Amino acid sequence: MRMLVTGANGFIGRALCRRLVAEGHGVRALLRPGSDPGGLDTLPALEIVYGDVLSRESLVPAVLGAPHVVHLAAATAAGRDGTYARINVEGTRNVVDAAAAAGVERFVFMSSLAAQGPSTPGQAHARPGGEQPMDSYGRSKLEAEAIVQGGLGPRATVLRPAIAYGPDSADVVQVIRWVRSRVLPIVPSLELSFVHVDDLVSLTLLALGAEGPAFGPYFVSDGEVQTMERVVDRLEGLISERPALRLPLPPKLLSWLEPVSQRISDSAGLGASVSRLIAQVRASGWACLPDEARDRFGFVPRHTFGSALPEVVTWYRERGLFDGGHRSAPAVGQTKST
């Protein structure tokens, strides 16, 4: 296959490009001018092109000659809500228009579980419908899904992954540092789903090779549901010399903090990511099942969070990444693609 990958230097994009090159596919990586290539410039037979999803003119040559497109580029943490509308909505519209004009054969759009909204306790999302995104990021992803459907129809597939993790993610490092801290605020019963980045890449390739209509959207996870407390238990068992003091966050406190942080965000453009995170941990859960992806594409995850976590933690430990540096972790239900 010959394809264009937007947001190629993000966590998911790097993993996808490495797999594509290893399997002998032709890959064109779209990067913003001046951005860090994230090691993509060392991959043989990978073509880097520079452009921006907000620049229609730059997308025309990027899509030309690439019958398959994977659209990963997105704003996942922003100081103002308008940023999500510009990049996730208008940026997707520009990519879809360029892909439609070029006559692409297959198009995969990486959406997010945030586009669906929170799950009910004990009832992980299994099928789309009744979407109720709870923040501007989720609403922008849901609007982008509609743009993809309207512009490309059955040529497109939309994936809604749970929390993606694996080696080479700076966000996992931040989570590890949180767990190693002396005091760890948690919402013990919050339900979460995860997907290993290698499995997410595998499903993306299955979707690209599918015949016939396959729009979805399809939820993507390892098929298991974890509580936040269980996640912390697993991580502490692997990385902590001594357990952190866990500070359960009561619903009343979260209810008070959410509007306060939102007012700060609205008035100064600050704290938007914080207010989103507070709102999302106040939700009942962010859990989903990959049943429809299994039925449509034969998708069977090779990793579960519990079985893959020791290897992932070892990867970071061997590279000395537990200490030093700082990058903010993504909000729950969010896929970091740029």
C-alpha atoms as a PDB file:
ATOM      1  CA  MET A   1       0.000   0.000   0.000  1.00  0.00           C
ATOM      2  CA  ARG A   2       1.050   3.589  -0.608  1.00  0.00           C
ATOM      3  CA  MET A   3      -0.259   6.026   1.968  1.00  0.00           C
ATOM      4  CA  LEU A   4      -0.139   9.409   3.622  1.00  0.00           C
ATOM      5  CA  VAL A   5      -0.046   9.668   7.414  1.00  0.00           C
ATOM      6  CA  THR A   6      -0.907  13.003   9.035  1.00  0.00           C
ATOM      7  CA  GLY A   7       0.332  13.603  12.578  1.00  0.00           C
ATOM      8  CA  ALA A   8       3.038  11.061  11.749  1.00  0.00           C
ATOM      9  CA  ASN A   9       5.459  12.256  14.413  1.00  0.00           C
ATOM     10  CA  GLY A  10       3.006  11.679  17.276  1.00  0.00           C
ATOM     11  CA  PHE A  11       2.987   8.589  19.480  1.00  0.00           C
ATOM     12  CA  ILE A  12       0.544   6.598  17.339  1.00  0.00           C
ATOM     13  CA  GLY A  13       1.932   8.002  14.101  1.00  0.00           C
ATOM     14  CA  ARG A  14       5.494   6.908  14.871  1.00  0.00           C
ATOM     15  CA  ALA A  15       4.364   3.384  15.709  1.00  0.00           C
ATOM     16  CA  LEU A  16       2.262   3.205  12.550  1.00  0.00           C
ATOM     17  CA  CYS A  17       5.044   4.478  10.296  1.00  0.00           C
ATOM     18  CA  ARG A  18       7.562   2.048  11.752  1.00  0.00           C
ATOM     19  CA  ARG A  19       5.196  -0.863  11.111  1.00  0.00           C
ATOM     20  CA  LEU A  20       4.399   0.270   7.588  1.00  0.00           C
ATOM     21  CA  VAL A  21       8.062   0.630   6.665  1.00  0.00           C
ATOM     22  CA  ALA A  22       8.906  -2.740   8.233  1.00  0.00           C
ATOM     23  CA  GLU A  23       6.194  -4.396   6.146  1.00  0.00           C
ATOM     24  CA  GLY A  24       7.382  -2.789   2.937  1.00  0.00           C
ATOM     25  CA  HIS A  25       4.622  -0.245   2.403  1.00  0.00           C
ATOM     26  CA  GLY A  26       5.268   3.142   0.836  1.00  0.00           C
ATOM     27  CA  VAL A  27       4.817   5.835   3.465  1.00  0.00           C
ATOM     28  CA  ARG A  28       4.553   9.605   3.163  1.00  0.00           C
ATOM     29  CA  ALA A  29       4.627  11.397   6.529  1.00  0.00           C
ATOM     30  CA  LEU A  30       3.032  14.833   6.774  1.00  0.00           C
ATOM     31  CA  LEU A  31       4.843  17.055   9.301  1.00  0.00           C
ATOM     32  CA  ARG A  32       4.389  20.705  10.143  1.00  0.00           C
ATOM     33  CA  PRO A  33       7.337  22.861   9.060  1.00  0.00           C
ATOM     34  CA  GLY A  34       9.917  23.069  11.825  1.00  0.00           C
ATOM     35  CA  SER A  35       8.448  20.212  13.875  1.00  0.00           C
ATOM     36  CA  ASP A  36      10.537  17.451  15.431  1.00  0.00           C
ATOM     37  CA  PRO A  37      10.447  14.424  13.097  1.00  0.00           C
ATOM     38  CA  GLY A  38      10.470  12.109  16.101  1.00  0.00           C
ATOM     39  CA  GLY A  39      12.955   9.743  14.514  1.00  0.00           C
ATOM     40  CA  LEU A  40      10.995   9.360  11.299  1.00  0.00           C
ATOM     41  CA  ASP A  41      13.926  10.787   9.338  1.00  0.00           C
ATOM     42  CA  THR A  42      15.917   7.643  10.193  1.00  0.00           C
ATOM     43  CA  LEU A  43      13.391   5.263   8.663  1.00  0.00           C
ATOM     44  CA  PRO A  44      14.398   3.989   5.218  1.00  0.00           C
ATOM     45  CA  ALA A  45      12.000   4.466   2.324  1.00  0.00           C
ATOM     46  CA  LEU A  46       9.849   6.931   4.286  1.00  0.00           C
ATOM     47  CA  GLU A  47       9.119  10.220   2.551  1.00  0.00           C
ATOM     48  CA  ILE A  48       8.673  13.303   4.728  1.00  0.00           C
ATOM     49  CA  VAL A  49       6.558  16.114   3.325  1.00  0.00           C
ATOM     50  CA  TYR A  50       5.890  19.400   5.095  1.00  0.00           C
ATOM     51  CA  GLY A  51       2.477  20.951   5.372  1.00  0.00           C
ATOM     52  CA  ASP A  52      -0.318  21.818   7.748  1.00  0.00           C
ATOM     53  CA  VAL A  53      -3.878  20.568   8.025  1.00  0.00           C
ATOM     54  CA  LEU A  54      -4.927  24.236   8.211  1.00  0.00           C
ATOM     55  CA  SER A  55      -3.292  24.963   4.854  1.00  0.00           C
ATOM     56  CA  ARG A  56      -5.380  23.537   2.025  1.00  0.00           C
ATOM     57  CA  GLU A  57      -2.656  24.298  -0.501  1.00  0.00           C
ATOM     58  CA  SER A  58      -0.082  22.180   1.318  1.00  0.00           C
ATOM     59  CA  LEU A  59      -2.389  19.162   1.404  1.00  0.00           C
ATOM     60  CA  VAL A  60      -2.884  18.867  -2.353  1.00  0.00           C
ATOM     61  CA  PRO A  61       0.652  17.597  -3.166  1.00  0.00           C
ATOM     62  CA  ALA A  62       0.733  15.593   0.078  1.00  0.00           C
ATOM     63  CA  VAL A  63      -2.304  13.497  -0.907  1.00  0.00           C
ATOM     64  CA  LEU A  64      -1.386  13.196  -4.582  1.00  0.00           C
ATOM     65  CA  GLY A  65      -0.293   9.655  -5.396  1.00  0.00           C
ATOM     66  CA  ALA A  66      -1.290   8.299  -1.975  1.00  0.00           C
ATOM     67  CA  PRO A  67      -4.471   6.222  -2.397  1.00  0.00           C
ATOM     68  CA  HIS A  68      -4.577   5.438   1.332  1.00  0.00           C
ATOM     69  CA  VAL A  69      -4.714   8.107   4.054  1.00  0.00           C
ATOM     70  CA  VAL A  70      -4.533   7.818   7.842  1.00  0.00           C
ATOM     71  CA  HIS A  71      -5.536  11.065   9.537  1.00  0.00           C
ATOM     72  CA  LEU A  72      -4.016  11.292  13.022  1.00  0.00           C
ATOM     73  CA  ALA A  73      -3.178  14.992  13.338  1.00  0.00           C
ATOM     74  CA  ALA A  74      -5.227  16.595  16.103  1.00  0.00           C
ATOM     75  CA  ALA A  75      -5.209  19.075  18.950  1.00  0.00           C
ATOM     76  CA  THR A  76      -5.500  17.023  22.121  1.00  0.00           C
ATOM     77  CA  ALA A  77      -4.737  19.667  24.748  1.00  0.00           C
ATOM     78  CA  ALA A  78      -5.454  23.336  24.178  1.00  0.00           C
ATOM     79  CA  GLY A  79      -5.722  26.531  26.204  1.00  0.00           C
ATOM     80  CA  ARG A  80      -8.865  27.629  24.365  1.00  0.00           C
ATOM     81  CA  ASP A  81     -11.808  25.717  22.976  1.00  0.00           C
ATOM     82  CA  GLY A  82     -11.461  27.405  19.604  1.00  0.00           C
ATOM     83  CA  THR A  83      -8.216  25.539  19.008  1.00  0.00           C
ATOM     84  CA  TYR A  84     -10.096  22.235  18.894  1.00  0.00           C
ATOM     85  CA  ALA A  85     -12.536  23.663  16.369  1.00  0.00           C
ATOM     86  CA  ARG A  86      -9.771  24.975  14.125  1.00  0.00           C
ATOM     87  CA  ILE A  87      -7.494  21.937  14.098  1.00  0.00           C
ATOM     88  CA  ASN A  88      -9.820  19.005  14.738  1.00  0.00           C
ATOM     89  CA  VAL A  89     -12.812  20.222  12.751  1.00  0.00           C
ATOM     90  CA  GLU A  90     -11.540  22.582  10.062  1.00  0.00           C
ATOM     91  CA  GLY A  91      -8.254  20.701   9.760  1.00  0.00           C
ATOM     92  CA  THR A  92     -10.119  17.448   9.209  1.00  0.00           C
ATOM     93  CA  ARG A  93     -12.376  19.142   6.678  1.00  0.00           C
ATOM     94  CA  ASN A  94      -9.305  20.246   4.724  1.00  0.00           C
ATOM     95  CA  VAL A  95      -7.773  16.769   4.763  1.00  0.00           C
ATOM     96  CA  VAL A  96     -11.070  15.149   3.731  1.00  0.00           C
ATOM     97  CA  ASP A  97     -11.579  17.625   0.880  1.00  0.00           C
ATOM     98  CA  ALA A  98      -8.052  16.995  -0.414  1.00  0.00           C
ATOM     99  CA  ALA A  99      -8.507  13.234  -0.123  1.00  0.00           C
ATOM    100  CA  ALA A 100     -11.866  13.314  -1.914  1.00  0.00           C
ATOM    101  CA  ALA A 101     -10.474  15.473  -4.722  1.00  0.00           C
ATOM    102  CA  ALA A 102      -7.543  13.086  -5.151  1.00  0.00           C
ATOM    103  CA  GLY A 103      -9.861  10.073  -5.286  1.00  0.00           C
ATOM    104  CA  VAL A 104      -8.350   8.185  -2.331  1.00  0.00           C
ATOM    105  CA  GLU A 105      -9.407   4.553  -2.006  1.00  0.00           C
ATOM    106  CA  ARG A 106      -9.320   4.154   1.772  1.00  0.00           C
ATOM    107  CA  PHE A 107      -9.264   6.704   4.596  1.00  0.00           C
ATOM    108  CA  VAL A 108      -8.894   5.966   8.319  1.00  0.00           C
ATOM    109  CA  PHE A 109      -9.737   8.696  10.817  1.00  0.00           C
ATOM    110  CA  MET A 110      -8.459   8.355  14.371  1.00  0.00           C
ATOM    111  CA  SER A 111     -11.218   9.754  16.542  1.00  0.00           C
ATOM    112  CA  SER A 112     -11.494   9.173  20.288  1.00  0.00           C
ATOM    113  CA  LEU A 113     -13.635   7.589  22.951  1.00  0.00           C
ATOM    114  CA  ALA A 114     -14.243  11.198  24.017  1.00  0.00           C
ATOM    115  CA  ALA A 115     -16.482  11.592  20.943  1.00  0.00           C
ATOM    116  CA  GLN A 116     -18.886   9.046  22.447  1.00  0.00           C
ATOM    117  CA  GLY A 117     -18.816  10.383  25.985  1.00  0.00           C
ATOM    118  CA  PRO A 118     -18.666   8.631  29.367  1.00  0.00           C
ATOM    119  CA  SER A 119     -19.727   5.048  29.881  1.00  0.00           C
ATOM    120  CA  THR A 120     -22.211   3.855  32.503  1.00  0.00           C
ATOM    121  CA  PRO A 121     -20.717   1.826  35.378  1.00  0.00           C
ATOM    122  CA  GLY A 122     -20.661  -1.824  34.412  1.00  0.00           C
ATOM    123  CA  GLN A 123     -21.764  -1.023  30.845  1.00  0.00           C
ATOM    124  CA  ALA A 124     -18.773  -0.365  28.604  1.00  0.00           C
ATOM    125  CA  HIS A 125     -19.569   1.177  25.211  1.00  0.00           C
ATOM    126  CA  ALA A 126     -19.878  -1.539  22.577  1.00  0.00           C
ATOM    127  CA  ARG A 127     -21.772   0.189  19.742  1.00  0.00           C
ATOM    128  CA  PRO A 128     -21.982   3.804  18.602  1.00  0.00           C
ATOM    129  CA  GLY A 129     -25.133   5.817  19.133  1.00  0.00           C
ATOM    130  CA  GLY A 130     -26.464   8.194  21.772  1.00  0.00           C
ATOM    131  CA  GLU A 131     -23.225  10.157  21.717  1.00  0.00           C
ATOM    132  CA  GLN A 132     -22.885  12.712  24.518  1.00  0.00           C
ATOM    133  CA  PRO A 133     -19.362  14.158  24.449  1.00  0.00           C
ATOM    134  CA  MET A 134     -18.761  16.140  27.597  1.00  0.00           C
ATOM    135  CA  ASP A 135     -16.138  18.663  26.482  1.00  0.00           C
ATOM    136  CA  SER A 136     -14.946  20.678  23.516  1.00  0.00           C
ATOM    137  CA  TYR A 137     -12.371  18.094  22.531  1.00  0.00           C
ATOM    138  CA  GLY A 138     -14.962  15.302  22.336  1.00  0.00           C
ATOM    139  CA  ARG A 139     -17.434  17.507  20.492  1.00  0.00           C
ATOM    140  CA  SER A 140     -14.761  18.485  17.966  1.00  0.00           C
ATOM    141  CA  LYS A 141     -13.954  14.840  17.309  1.00  0.00           C
ATOM    142  CA  LEU A 142     -17.623  13.957  16.863  1.00  0.00           C
ATOM    143  CA  GLU A 143     -18.073  16.842  14.429  1.00  0.00           C
ATOM    144  CA  ALA A 144     -14.974  15.708  12.548  1.00  0.00           C
ATOM    145  CA  GLU A 145     -16.439  12.210  12.245  1.00  0.00           C
ATOM    146  CA  ALA A 146     -19.494  13.679  10.522  1.00  0.00           C
ATOM    147  CA  ILE A 147     -17.244  15.566   8.110  1.00  0.00           C
ATOM    148  CA  VAL A 148     -15.400  12.349   7.249  1.00  0.00           C
ATOM    149  CA  GLN A 149     -18.667  10.516   6.650  1.00  0.00           C
ATOM    150  CA  GLY A 150     -20.118  13.290   4.533  1.00  0.00           C
ATOM    151  CA  GLY A 151     -17.001  13.722   2.422  1.00  0.00           C
ATOM    152  CA  LEU A 152     -15.845  10.146   1.924  1.00  0.00           C
ATOM    153  CA  GLY A 153     -18.703   7.879   2.970  1.00  0.00           C
ATOM    154  CA  PRO A 154     -17.957   4.148   2.645  1.00  0.00           C
ATOM    155  CA  ARG A 155     -14.329   4.804   1.691  1.00  0.00           C
ATOM    156  CA  ALA A 156     -13.661   5.908   5.268  1.00  0.00           C
ATOM    157  CA  THR A 157     -13.337   4.103   8.598  1.00  0.00           C
ATOM    158  CA  VAL A 158     -13.531   5.857  11.962  1.00  0.00           C
ATOM    159  CA  LEU A 159     -11.819   4.399  15.028  1.00  0.00           C
ATOM    160  CA  ARG A 160     -12.603   5.465  18.594  1.00  0.00           C
ATOM    161  CA  PRO A 161      -9.734   4.141  20.691  1.00  0.00           C
ATOM    162  CA  ALA A 162      -9.586   3.967  24.447  1.00  0.00           C
ATOM    163  CA  ILE A 163      -6.409   5.156  26.214  1.00  0.00           C
ATOM    164  CA  ALA A 164      -3.480   4.178  23.997  1.00  0.00           C
ATOM    165  CA  TYR A 165      -0.242   3.183  25.727  1.00  0.00           C
ATOM    166  CA  GLY A 166       3.027   1.445  24.969  1.00  0.00           C
ATOM    167  CA  PRO A 167       6.736   2.123  24.556  1.00  0.00           C
ATOM    168  CA  ASP A 168       7.883   5.499  23.245  1.00  0.00           C
ATOM    169  CA  SER A 169       5.062   7.545  24.770  1.00  0.00           C
ATOM    170  CA  ALA A 170       6.167  10.506  26.876  1.00  0.00           C
ATOM    171  CA  ASP A 171       2.724  10.503  28.475  1.00  0.00           C
ATOM    172  CA  VAL A 172       3.280   7.062  29.985  1.00  0.00           C
ATOM    173  CA  VAL A 173       6.430   8.436  31.607  1.00  0.00           C
ATOM    174  CA  GLN A 174       4.374  11.175  33.249  1.00  0.00           C
ATOM    175  CA  VAL A 175       1.846   8.655  34.585  1.00  0.00           C
ATOM    176  CA  ILE A 176       4.701   6.583  36.025  1.00  0.00           C
ATOM    177  CA  ARG A 177       6.063   9.670  37.777  1.00  0.00           C
ATOM    178  CA  TRP A 178       2.650  10.398  39.225  1.00  0.00           C
ATOM    179  CA  VAL A 179       2.447   6.888  40.652  1.00  0.00           C
ATOM    180  CA  ARG A 180       5.912   7.276  42.167  1.00  0.00           C
ATOM    181  CA  SER A 181       4.951  10.527  43.873  1.00  0.00           C
ATOM    182  CA  ARG A 182       4.402  10.716  47.613  1.00  0.00           C
ATOM    183  CA  VAL A 183       0.711  11.661  47.317  1.00  0.00           C
ATOM    184  CA  LEU A 184      -1.500  10.321  44.531  1.00  0.00           C
ATOM    185  CA  PRO A 185      -5.023  11.716  43.994  1.00  0.00           C
ATOM    186  CA  ILE A 186      -7.284   9.041  42.505  1.00  0.00           C
ATOM    187  CA  VAL A 187     -10.925   8.263  41.771  1.00  0.00           C
ATOM    188  CA  PRO A 188     -10.866   4.589  42.847  1.00  0.00           C
ATOM    189  CA  SER A 189     -13.970   3.310  41.029  1.00  0.00           C
ATOM    190  CA  LEU A 190     -13.467   5.190  37.736  1.00  0.00           C
ATOM    191  CA  GLU A 191     -13.702   2.603  34.929  1.00  0.00           C
ATOM    192  CA  LEU A 192     -11.102   2.758  32.158  1.00  0.00           C
ATOM    193  CA  SER A 193     -10.210   0.873  28.998  1.00  0.00           C
ATOM    194  CA  PHE A 194      -6.809   0.678  27.332  1.00  0.00           C
ATOM    195  CA  VAL A 195      -5.357  -0.379  24.001  1.00  0.00           C
ATOM    196  CA  HIS A 196      -1.720  -1.151  23.275  1.00  0.00           C
ATOM    197  CA  VAL A 197      -0.418   1.002  20.447  1.00  0.00           C
ATOM    198  CA  ASP A 198       0.694  -2.088  18.484  1.00  0.00           C
ATOM    199  CA  ASP A 199      -2.878  -3.401  18.520  1.00  0.00           C
ATOM    200  CA  LEU A 200      -4.237  -0.020  17.458  1.00  0.00           C
ATOM    201  CA  VAL A 201      -1.783  -0.021  14.544  1.00  0.00           C
ATOM    202  CA  SER A 202      -2.848  -3.555  13.603  1.00  0.00           C
ATOM    203  CA  LEU A 203      -6.511  -2.546  13.452  1.00  0.00           C
ATOM    204  CA  THR A 204      -5.622   0.522  11.383  1.00  0.00           C
ATOM    205  CA  LEU A 205      -3.956  -1.739   8.809  1.00  0.00           C
ATOM    206  CA  LEU A 206      -6.935  -4.103   8.812  1.00  0.00           C
ATOM    207  CA  ALA A 207      -9.255  -1.163   8.170  1.00  0.00           C
ATOM    208  CA  LEU A 208      -7.071   0.110   5.328  1.00  0.00           C
ATOM    209  CA  GLY A 209      -7.240  -3.275   3.644  1.00  0.00           C
ATOM    210  CA  ALA A 210     -10.966  -3.801   4.130  1.00  0.00           C
ATOM    211  CA  GLU A 211     -13.310  -4.163   1.191  1.00  0.00           C
ATOM    212  CA  GLY A 212     -16.759  -2.643   1.083  1.00  0.00           C
ATOM    213  CA  PRO A 213     -18.360  -0.121   3.461  1.00  0.00           C
ATOM    214  CA  ALA A 214     -16.699  -0.052   6.865  1.00  0.00           C
ATOM    215  CA  PHE A 215     -17.357   3.385   8.344  1.00  0.00           C
ATOM    216  CA  GLY A 216     -18.161   2.494  11.938  1.00  0.00           C
ATOM    217  CA  PRO A 217     -17.291   4.187  14.221  1.00  0.00           C
ATOM    218  CA  TYR A 218     -15.514   1.279  15.891  1.00  0.00           C
ATOM    219  CA  PHE A 219     -14.453   1.272  19.520  1.00  0.00           C
ATOM    220  CA  VAL A 220     -10.938   0.003  20.137  1.00  0.00           C
ATOM    221  CA  SER A 221      -9.663  -1.515  23.379  1.00  0.00           C
ATOM    222  CA  ASP A 222      -8.133  -4.736  24.691  1.00  0.00           C
ATOM    223  CA  GLY A 223     -11.578  -5.898  25.774  1.00  0.00           C
ATOM    224  CA  GLU A 224     -10.946  -5.473  29.493  1.00  0.00           C
ATOM    225  CA  VAL A 225     -12.225  -2.840  31.904  1.00  0.00           C
ATOM    226  CA  GLN A 226      -9.978  -1.593  34.708  1.00  0.00           C
ATOM    227  CA  THR A 227     -10.763   0.597  37.674  1.00  0.00           C
ATOM    228  CA  MET A 228      -8.410   3.488  38.349  1.00  0.00           C
ATOM    229  CA  GLU A 229      -7.474   1.885  41.655  1.00  0.00           C
ATOM    230  CA  ARG A 230      -6.579  -1.383  39.914  1.00  0.00           C
ATOM    231  CA  VAL A 231      -4.422   0.508  37.414  1.00  0.00           C
ATOM    232  CA  VAL A 232      -2.533   2.156  40.261  1.00  0.00           C
ATOM    233  CA  ASP A 233      -2.162  -1.226  42.000  1.00  0.00           C
ATOM    234  CA  ARG A 234      -0.567  -2.723  38.890  1.00  0.00           C
ATOM    235  CA  LEU A 235       1.783   0.200  38.340  1.00  0.00           C
ATOM    236  CA  GLU A 236       2.846   0.392  41.984  1.00  0.00           C
ATOM    237  CA  GLY A 237       3.613  -3.311  41.978  1.00  0.00           C
ATOM    238  CA  LEU A 238       6.031  -2.770  39.098  1.00  0.00           C
ATOM    239  CA  ILE A 239       7.699   0.555  39.765  1.00  0.00           C
ATOM    240  CA  SER A 240       7.347   1.805  43.331  1.00  0.00           C
ATOM    241  CA  GLU A 241       9.795   1.227  46.128  1.00  0.00           C
ATOM    242  CA  ARG A 242       6.996   2.141  48.515  1.00  0.00           C
ATOM    243  CA  PRO A 243       3.308   2.852  47.951  1.00  0.00           C
ATOM    244  CA  ALA A 244       2.182   6.433  47.581  1.00  0.00           C
ATOM    245  CA  LEU A 245      -0.382   7.919  49.905  1.00  0.00           C
ATOM    246  CA  ARG A 246      -3.603   7.609  47.918  1.00  0.00           C
ATOM    247  CA  LEU A 247      -5.943  10.538  48.185  1.00  0.00           C
ATOM    248  CA  PRO A 248      -9.463   9.565  47.065  1.00  0.00           C
ATOM    249  CA  LEU A 249     -11.215  12.481  45.401  1.00  0.00           C
ATOM    250  CA  PRO A 250     -14.842  12.737  46.568  1.00  0.00           C
ATOM    251  CA  PRO A 251     -17.481  13.652  43.975  1.00  0.00           C
ATOM    252  CA  LYS A 252     -18.427  16.842  45.876  1.00  0.00           C
ATOM    253  CA  LEU A 253     -14.863  18.149  45.665  1.00  0.00           C
ATOM    254  CA  LEU A 254     -14.650  17.411  41.937  1.00  0.00           C
ATOM    255  CA  SER A 255     -18.030  19.091  41.402  1.00  0.00           C
ATOM    256  CA  TRP A 256     -16.702  22.214  43.109  1.00  0.00           C
ATOM    257  CA  LEU A 257     -13.364  22.223  41.291  1.00  0.00           C
ATOM    258  CA  GLU A 258     -14.793  21.812  37.789  1.00  0.00           C
ATOM    259  CA  PRO A 259     -16.621  25.158  37.455  1.00  0.00           C
ATOM    260  CA  VAL A 260     -13.795  26.980  39.245  1.00  0.00           C
ATOM    261  CA  SER A 261     -11.202  25.720  36.772  1.00  0.00           C
ATOM    262  CA  GLN A 262     -13.581  26.387  33.899  1.00  0.00           C
ATOM    263  CA  ARG A 263     -14.003  30.022  34.938  1.00  0.00           C
ATOM    264  CA  ILE A 264     -10.229  30.412  34.992  1.00  0.00           C
ATOM    265  CA  SER A 265     -10.051  28.906  31.523  1.00  0.00           C
ATOM    266  CA  ASP A 266     -12.823  31.116  30.157  1.00  0.00           C
ATOM    267  CA  SER A 267     -11.359  34.328  31.522  1.00  0.00           C
ATOM    268  CA  ALA A 268      -7.672  33.814  30.788  1.00  0.00           C
ATOM    269  CA  GLY A 269      -7.304  30.909  28.399  1.00  0.00           C
ATOM    270  CA  LEU A 270      -5.540  29.001  31.163  1.00  0.00           C
ATOM    271  CA  GLY A 271      -6.372  25.743  32.825  1.00  0.00           C
ATOM    272  CA  ALA A 272      -8.516  24.292  30.029  1.00  0.00           C
ATOM    273  CA  SER A 273      -6.702  20.982  30.180  1.00  0.00           C
ATOM    274  CA  VAL A 274      -7.103  20.923  33.955  1.00  0.00           C
ATOM    275  CA  SER A 275     -10.831  21.580  33.778  1.00  0.00           C
ATOM    276  CA  ARG A 276     -11.207  18.845  31.158  1.00  0.00           C
ATOM    277  CA  LEU A 277      -9.311  16.368  33.279  1.00  0.00           C
ATOM    278  CA  ILE A 278     -11.409  17.191  36.349  1.00  0.00           C
ATOM    279  CA  ALA A 279     -14.618  16.776  34.355  1.00  0.00           C
ATOM    280  CA  GLN A 280     -13.473  13.462  32.926  1.00  0.00           C
ATOM    281  CA  VAL A 281     -12.405  11.885  36.196  1.00  0.00           C
ATOM    282  CA  ARG A 282     -15.744  13.024  37.631  1.00  0.00           C
ATOM    283  CA  ALA A 283     -17.468  10.909  34.984  1.00  0.00           C
ATOM    284  CA  SER A 284     -18.640   7.391  35.742  1.00  0.00           C
ATOM    285  CA  GLY A 285     -16.241   5.741  33.338  1.00  0.00           C
ATOM    286  CA  TRP A 286     -14.356   5.667  30.048  1.00  0.00           C
ATOM    287  CA  ALA A 287     -14.691   2.058  29.022  1.00  0.00           C
ATOM    288  CA  CYS A 288     -15.383   0.371  25.687  1.00  0.00           C
ATOM    289  CA  LEU A 289     -15.304  -3.041  24.012  1.00  0.00           C
ATOM    290  CA  PRO A 290     -13.905  -3.915  20.552  1.00  0.00           C
ATOM    291  CA  ASP A 291     -16.703  -6.347  19.625  1.00  0.00           C
ATOM    292  CA  GLU A 292     -17.743  -4.655  16.384  1.00  0.00           C
ATOM    293  CA  ALA A 293     -14.135  -4.244  15.236  1.00  0.00           C
ATOM    294  CA  ARG A 294     -13.657  -7.961  15.846  1.00  0.00           C
ATOM    295  CA  ASP A 295     -16.777  -8.870  13.882  1.00  0.00           C
ATOM    296  CA  ARG A 296     -16.006  -6.538  10.955  1.00  0.00           C
ATOM    297  CA  PHE A 297     -12.222  -6.831  10.636  1.00  0.00           C
ATOM    298  CA  GLY A 298     -11.301  -9.957  12.597  1.00  0.00           C
ATOM    299  CA  PHE A 299      -9.522  -7.738  15.133  1.00  0.00           C
ATOM    300  CA  VAL A 300      -8.108  -9.708  18.066  1.00  0.00           C
ATOM    301  CA  PRO A 301      -5.898  -7.692  20.458  1.00  0.00           C
ATOM    302  CA  ARG A 302      -2.591  -9.397  21.211  1.00  0.00           C
ATOM    303  CA  HIS A 303      -2.048  -7.434  24.410  1.00  0.00           C
ATOM    304  CA  THR A 304      -4.043  -6.821  27.552  1.00  0.00           C
ATOM    305  CA  PHE A 305      -3.161  -4.036  29.929  1.00  0.00           C
ATOM    306  CA  GLY A 306      -2.227  -6.475  32.672  1.00  0.00           C
ATOM    307  CA  SER A 307      -0.064  -8.723  30.514  1.00  0.00           C
ATOM    308  CA  ALA A 308       1.685  -5.956  28.543  1.00  0.00           C
ATOM    309  CA  LEU A 309       2.373  -3.535  31.379  1.00  0.00           C
ATOM    310  CA  PRO A 310       5.514  -5.247  32.780  1.00  0.00           C
ATOM    311  CA  GLU A 311       7.235  -5.133  29.378  1.00  0.00           C
ATOM    312  CA  VAL A 312       6.222  -1.509  28.839  1.00  0.00           C
ATOM    313  CA  VAL A 313       7.541  -0.452  32.264  1.00  0.00           C
ATOM    314  CA  THR A 314      10.790  -2.336  31.612  1.00  0.00           C
ATOM    315  CA  TRP A 315      11.204  -0.449  28.317  1.00  0.00           C
ATOM    316  CA  TYR A 316      11.106   2.887  30.153  1.00  0.00           C
ATOM    317  CA  ARG A 317      13.265   1.729  33.050  1.00  0.00           C
ATOM    318  CA  GLU A 318      16.030   0.465  30.738  1.00  0.00           C
ATOM    319  CA  ARG A 319      16.165   3.884  29.083  1.00  0.00           C
ATOM    320  CA  GLY A 320      16.306   5.789  32.360  1.00  0.00           C
ATOM    321  CA  LEU A 321      13.104   7.695  31.621  1.00  0.00           C
ATOM    322  CA  PHE A 322      11.496   7.585  35.058  1.00  0.00           C
ATOM    323  CA  ASP A 323      13.109  10.845  36.121  1.00  0.00           C
ATOM    324  CA  GLY A 324      13.782  14.203  34.495  1.00  0.00           C
ATOM    325  CA  GLY A 325      11.865  16.107  31.834  1.00  0.00           C
ATOM    326  CA  HIS A 326       8.188  16.847  31.833  1.00  0.00           C
ATOM    327  CA  ARG A 327       5.239  16.588  29.507  1.00  0.00           C
ATOM    328  CA  SER A 328       1.607  16.695  30.464  1.00  0.00           C
ATOM    329  CA  ALA A 329      -0.343  13.472  30.205  1.00  0.00           C
ATOM    330  CA  PRO A 330      -3.427  13.350  27.965  1.00  0.00           C
ATOM    331  CA  ALA A 331      -6.865  13.562  29.454  1.00  0.00           C
ATOM    332  CA  VAL A 332      -8.875  10.395  29.936  1.00  0.00           C
ATOM    333  CA  GLY A 333     -10.523   9.056  26.799  1.00  0.00           C
ATOM    334  CA  GLN A 334      -8.127  11.005  24.625  1.00  0.00           C
ATOM    335  CA  THR A 335      -5.668   9.913  21.977  1.00  0.00           C
ATOM    336  CA  LYS A 336      -2.600  12.029  21.626  1.00  0.00           C
ATOM    337  CA  SER A 337      -1.765  12.152  17.939  1.00  0.00           C
ATOM    338  CA  THR A 338       0.374  15.218  17.423  1.00  0.00           C
END
